């Protein structure tokens, strides 16, 4: 299963990557504040972390007990991004 991610960079260049890896529907996604990383969650019980630069997925988190329907990013008191 794949999905297309289209975005506009800070240089106003249109980019598009086909991100392949989920085995079911993608139901939610969020950009990191840096704009260089995107998270996707799906009905396949997986959270994937993607590189915007090359479309790679270096991290897949498995083990959720239900499909992911939303993602939230917050900063802790040290400025670290929490998922």
N, C-alpha and C. Protein backbone atom coordinates (compact mmCIF):
# COMPACT_ATOMS: atom_id res chain seq x y z
N UNK A 1 0.87 -1.16 0.00
CA UNK A 1 0.00 0.00 0.00
C UNK A 1 0.91 1.22 0.00
N UNK A 2 0.58 2.21 -0.79
CA UNK A 2 1.37 3.42 -0.83
C UNK A 2 0.45 4.63 -0.81
N UNK A 3 1.02 5.77 -0.51
CA UNK A 3 0.26 7.01 -0.60
C UNK A 3 1.18 8.09 -1.13
N UNK A 4 0.58 9.10 -1.73
CA UNK A 4 1.35 10.20 -2.27
C UNK A 4 1.37 11.32 -1.25
N UNK A 5 2.53 11.89 -1.08
CA UNK A 5 2.70 13.03 -0.21
C UNK A 5 3.16 14.19 -1.06
N UNK A 6 2.36 15.22 -1.13
CA UNK A 6 2.72 16.41 -1.88
C UNK A 6 2.86 17.56 -0.89
N UNK A 7 3.86 18.38 -1.09
CA UNK A 7 4.07 19.51 -0.19
C UNK A 7 4.83 20.60 -0.93
N UNK A 8 4.81 21.77 -0.36
CA UNK A 8 5.56 22.90 -0.90
C UNK A 8 6.67 23.22 0.08
N UNK A 9 7.88 23.26 -0.40
CA UNK A 9 9.02 23.54 0.48
C UNK A 9 9.10 25.04 0.77
N UNK A 10 10.03 25.40 1.63
CA UNK A 10 10.19 26.82 1.96
C UNK A 10 10.66 27.62 0.75
N UNK A 11 11.16 26.93 -0.27
CA UNK A 11 11.59 27.60 -1.48
C UNK A 11 10.49 27.61 -2.54
N UNK A 12 9.29 27.19 -2.16
CA UNK A 12 8.10 27.18 -3.02
C UNK A 12 8.28 26.27 -4.24
N UNK A 13 9.03 25.21 -4.07
CA UNK A 13 9.17 24.21 -5.12
C UNK A 13 8.21 23.07 -4.79
N UNK A 14 7.48 22.63 -5.78
CA UNK A 14 6.53 21.54 -5.55
C UNK A 14 7.26 20.21 -5.58
N UNK A 15 7.07 19.42 -4.57
CA UNK A 15 7.71 18.11 -4.46
C UNK A 15 6.63 17.06 -4.30
N UNK A 16 6.91 15.85 -4.75
CA UNK A 16 5.98 14.76 -4.57
C UNK A 16 6.76 13.46 -4.44
N UNK A 17 6.41 12.69 -3.43
CA UNK A 17 7.02 11.38 -3.22
C UNK A 17 5.91 10.36 -3.07
N UNK A 18 6.10 9.18 -3.62
CA UNK A 18 5.21 8.07 -3.34
C UNK A 18 5.87 7.27 -2.22
N UNK A 19 5.20 7.24 -1.08
CA UNK A 19 5.74 6.58 0.09
C UNK A 19 5.09 5.21 0.21
N UNK A 20 5.89 4.18 0.06
CA UNK A 20 5.38 2.82 0.11
C UNK A 20 5.82 2.13 1.39
N UNK A 21 4.90 1.39 2.00
CA UNK A 21 5.28 0.65 3.19
C UNK A 21 4.11 0.21 4.05
N UNK A 22 3.05 1.00 4.10
CA UNK A 22 1.88 0.57 4.86
C UNK A 22 1.21 -0.58 4.11
N UNK A 23 0.65 -1.52 4.85
CA UNK A 23 -0.01 -2.65 4.21
C UNK A 23 -1.53 -2.50 4.24
N UNK A 24 -2.00 -1.35 4.68
CA UNK A 24 -3.42 -1.04 4.70
C UNK A 24 -3.55 0.47 4.54
N UNK A 25 -4.76 0.98 4.67
CA UNK A 25 -5.00 2.41 4.46
C UNK A 25 -4.19 3.29 5.42
N UNK A 26 -3.70 4.40 4.90
CA UNK A 26 -3.08 5.44 5.72
C UNK A 26 -4.21 6.34 6.19
N UNK A 27 -4.32 6.52 7.50
CA UNK A 27 -5.46 7.25 8.05
C UNK A 27 -5.08 8.59 8.67
N UNK A 28 -3.78 8.84 8.86
CA UNK A 28 -3.36 10.10 9.44
C UNK A 28 -1.89 10.37 9.12
N UNK A 29 -1.53 11.64 9.03
CA UNK A 29 -0.11 12.00 8.89
C UNK A 29 0.12 13.40 9.44
N UNK A 30 1.34 13.64 9.89
CA UNK A 30 1.75 14.93 10.45
C UNK A 30 3.20 15.20 10.09
N UNK A 31 3.50 16.46 9.81
CA UNK A 31 4.88 16.90 9.61
C UNK A 31 5.51 17.24 10.95
N UNK A 32 6.80 16.91 11.10
CA UNK A 32 7.57 17.41 12.23
C UNK A 32 7.72 18.91 12.04
N UNK A 33 7.96 19.65 13.13
CA UNK A 33 8.15 21.10 13.01
C UNK A 33 9.26 21.49 12.03
N UNK A 34 10.27 20.66 11.88
CA UNK A 34 11.38 20.96 10.97
C UNK A 34 10.93 20.93 9.51
N UNK A 35 9.84 20.23 9.22
CA UNK A 35 9.38 20.08 7.85
C UNK A 35 10.15 19.05 7.06
N UNK A 36 11.12 18.39 7.67
CA UNK A 36 11.96 17.41 6.99
C UNK A 36 11.53 15.97 7.23
N UNK A 37 10.61 15.78 8.15
CA UNK A 37 10.16 14.43 8.53
C UNK A 37 8.64 14.44 8.60
N UNK A 38 8.04 13.36 8.14
CA UNK A 38 6.59 13.21 8.26
C UNK A 38 6.30 11.87 8.91
N UNK A 39 5.28 11.85 9.74
CA UNK A 39 4.80 10.63 10.39
C UNK A 39 3.52 10.19 9.69
N UNK A 40 3.35 8.89 9.52
CA UNK A 40 2.08 8.39 8.99
C UNK A 40 1.61 7.24 9.85
N UNK A 41 0.32 7.18 10.06
CA UNK A 41 -0.29 6.10 10.82
C UNK A 41 -1.39 5.48 9.99
N UNK A 42 -1.61 4.19 10.22
CA UNK A 42 -2.59 3.53 9.38
C UNK A 42 -3.42 2.49 10.07
N UNK A 43 -4.34 1.95 9.28
CA UNK A 43 -5.20 0.87 9.75
C UNK A 43 -4.40 -0.42 9.96
N UNK A 44 -3.16 -0.45 9.49
CA UNK A 44 -2.29 -1.62 9.66
C UNK A 44 -1.59 -1.65 11.03
N UNK A 45 -2.00 -0.76 11.94
CA UNK A 45 -1.47 -0.70 13.32
C UNK A 45 -0.01 -0.24 13.37
N UNK A 46 0.43 0.49 12.35
CA UNK A 46 1.83 0.93 12.27
C UNK A 46 1.95 2.44 12.23
N UNK A 47 3.01 2.92 12.85
CA UNK A 47 3.41 4.32 12.75
C UNK A 47 4.73 4.33 12.01
N UNK A 48 4.81 5.09 10.93
CA UNK A 48 6.03 5.15 10.12
C UNK A 48 6.58 6.57 10.16
N UNK A 49 7.90 6.64 10.18
CA UNK A 49 8.61 7.92 10.17
C UNK A 49 9.37 8.01 8.86
N UNK A 50 9.07 9.04 8.06
CA UNK A 50 9.59 9.17 6.70
C UNK A 50 10.51 10.38 6.58
N UNK A 51 11.50 10.25 5.74
CA UNK A 51 12.37 11.37 5.37
C UNK A 51 11.75 12.07 4.16
N UNK A 52 11.57 13.37 4.26
CA UNK A 52 11.05 14.14 3.13
C UNK A 52 12.10 14.25 2.03
N UNK A 53 13.36 14.28 2.42
CA UNK A 53 14.45 14.47 1.47
C UNK A 53 14.47 13.38 0.39
N UNK A 54 14.36 12.12 0.82
CA UNK A 54 14.48 11.04 -0.16
C UNK A 54 13.31 10.05 -0.16
N UNK A 55 12.32 10.25 0.70
CA UNK A 55 11.16 9.37 0.74
C UNK A 55 11.40 8.05 1.45
N UNK A 56 12.55 7.91 2.13
CA UNK A 56 12.84 6.66 2.83
C UNK A 56 12.09 6.60 4.16
N UNK A 57 11.92 5.38 4.66
CA UNK A 57 11.27 5.15 5.94
C UNK A 57 12.24 4.42 6.86
N UNK A 58 13.05 5.16 7.63
CA UNK A 58 14.04 4.50 8.47
C UNK A 58 13.46 3.86 9.73
N UNK A 59 12.23 4.25 10.11
CA UNK A 59 11.66 3.73 11.36
C UNK A 59 10.20 3.33 11.15
N UNK A 60 9.85 2.12 11.61
CA UNK A 60 8.46 1.67 11.67
C UNK A 60 8.20 1.19 13.08
N UNK A 61 7.18 1.75 13.72
CA UNK A 61 6.80 1.34 15.06
C UNK A 61 5.57 0.45 14.95
N UNK A 62 5.69 -0.76 15.48
CA UNK A 62 4.62 -1.74 15.44
C UNK A 62 4.17 -2.04 16.86
N UNK A 63 3.00 -2.65 16.98
CA UNK A 63 2.54 -3.08 18.29
C UNK A 63 1.31 -2.37 18.79
N UNK A 64 0.81 -1.41 18.05
CA UNK A 64 -0.44 -0.77 18.45
C UNK A 64 -1.56 -1.81 18.41
N UNK A 65 -2.55 -1.64 19.25
CA UNK A 65 -3.63 -2.62 19.32
C UNK A 65 -4.85 -2.21 18.52
N UNK A 66 -4.79 -1.04 17.91
CA UNK A 66 -5.88 -0.56 17.06
C UNK A 66 -5.27 0.33 15.99
N UNK A 67 -6.01 0.51 14.91
CA UNK A 67 -5.54 1.39 13.85
C UNK A 67 -5.33 2.80 14.36
N UNK A 68 -4.36 3.48 13.79
CA UNK A 68 -4.07 4.86 14.19
C UNK A 68 -4.99 5.81 13.42
N UNK A 69 -5.67 6.66 14.14
CA UNK A 69 -6.60 7.59 13.51
C UNK A 69 -6.17 9.04 13.67
N UNK A 70 -5.19 9.30 14.53
CA UNK A 70 -4.69 10.67 14.68
C UNK A 70 -3.29 10.62 15.28
N UNK A 71 -2.54 11.66 15.03
CA UNK A 71 -1.19 11.82 15.58
C UNK A 71 -1.07 13.22 16.14
N UNK A 72 -0.33 13.36 17.21
CA UNK A 72 -0.10 14.67 17.79
C UNK A 72 1.37 14.81 18.11
N UNK A 73 1.93 15.95 17.81
CA UNK A 73 3.32 16.27 18.14
C UNK A 73 3.32 17.39 19.16
N UNK A 74 4.08 17.20 20.22
CA UNK A 74 4.22 18.22 21.26
C UNK A 74 5.70 18.37 21.59
N UNK A 75 6.04 19.49 22.18
CA UNK A 75 7.41 19.72 22.65
C UNK A 75 7.43 19.61 24.17
N UNK A 76 8.46 18.92 24.70
CA UNK A 76 8.61 18.87 26.14
C UNK A 76 9.36 20.13 26.62
N UNK A 77 9.64 20.21 27.91
CA UNK A 77 10.28 21.41 28.45
C UNK A 77 11.69 21.62 27.94
N UNK A 78 12.30 20.59 27.34
CA UNK A 78 13.66 20.71 26.80
C UNK A 78 13.65 20.98 25.30
N UNK A 79 12.46 21.07 24.72
CA UNK A 79 12.37 21.33 23.28
C UNK A 79 12.39 20.08 22.43
N UNK A 80 12.32 18.90 23.05
CA UNK A 80 12.28 17.64 22.30
C UNK A 80 10.87 17.39 21.77
N UNK A 81 10.79 16.84 20.58
CA UNK A 81 9.50 16.53 20.00
C UNK A 81 9.00 15.19 20.53
N UNK A 82 7.78 15.19 21.05
CA UNK A 82 7.15 13.99 21.57
C UNK A 82 6.02 13.59 20.63
N UNK A 83 5.87 12.29 20.40
CA UNK A 83 4.80 11.80 19.53
C UNK A 83 3.68 11.26 20.41
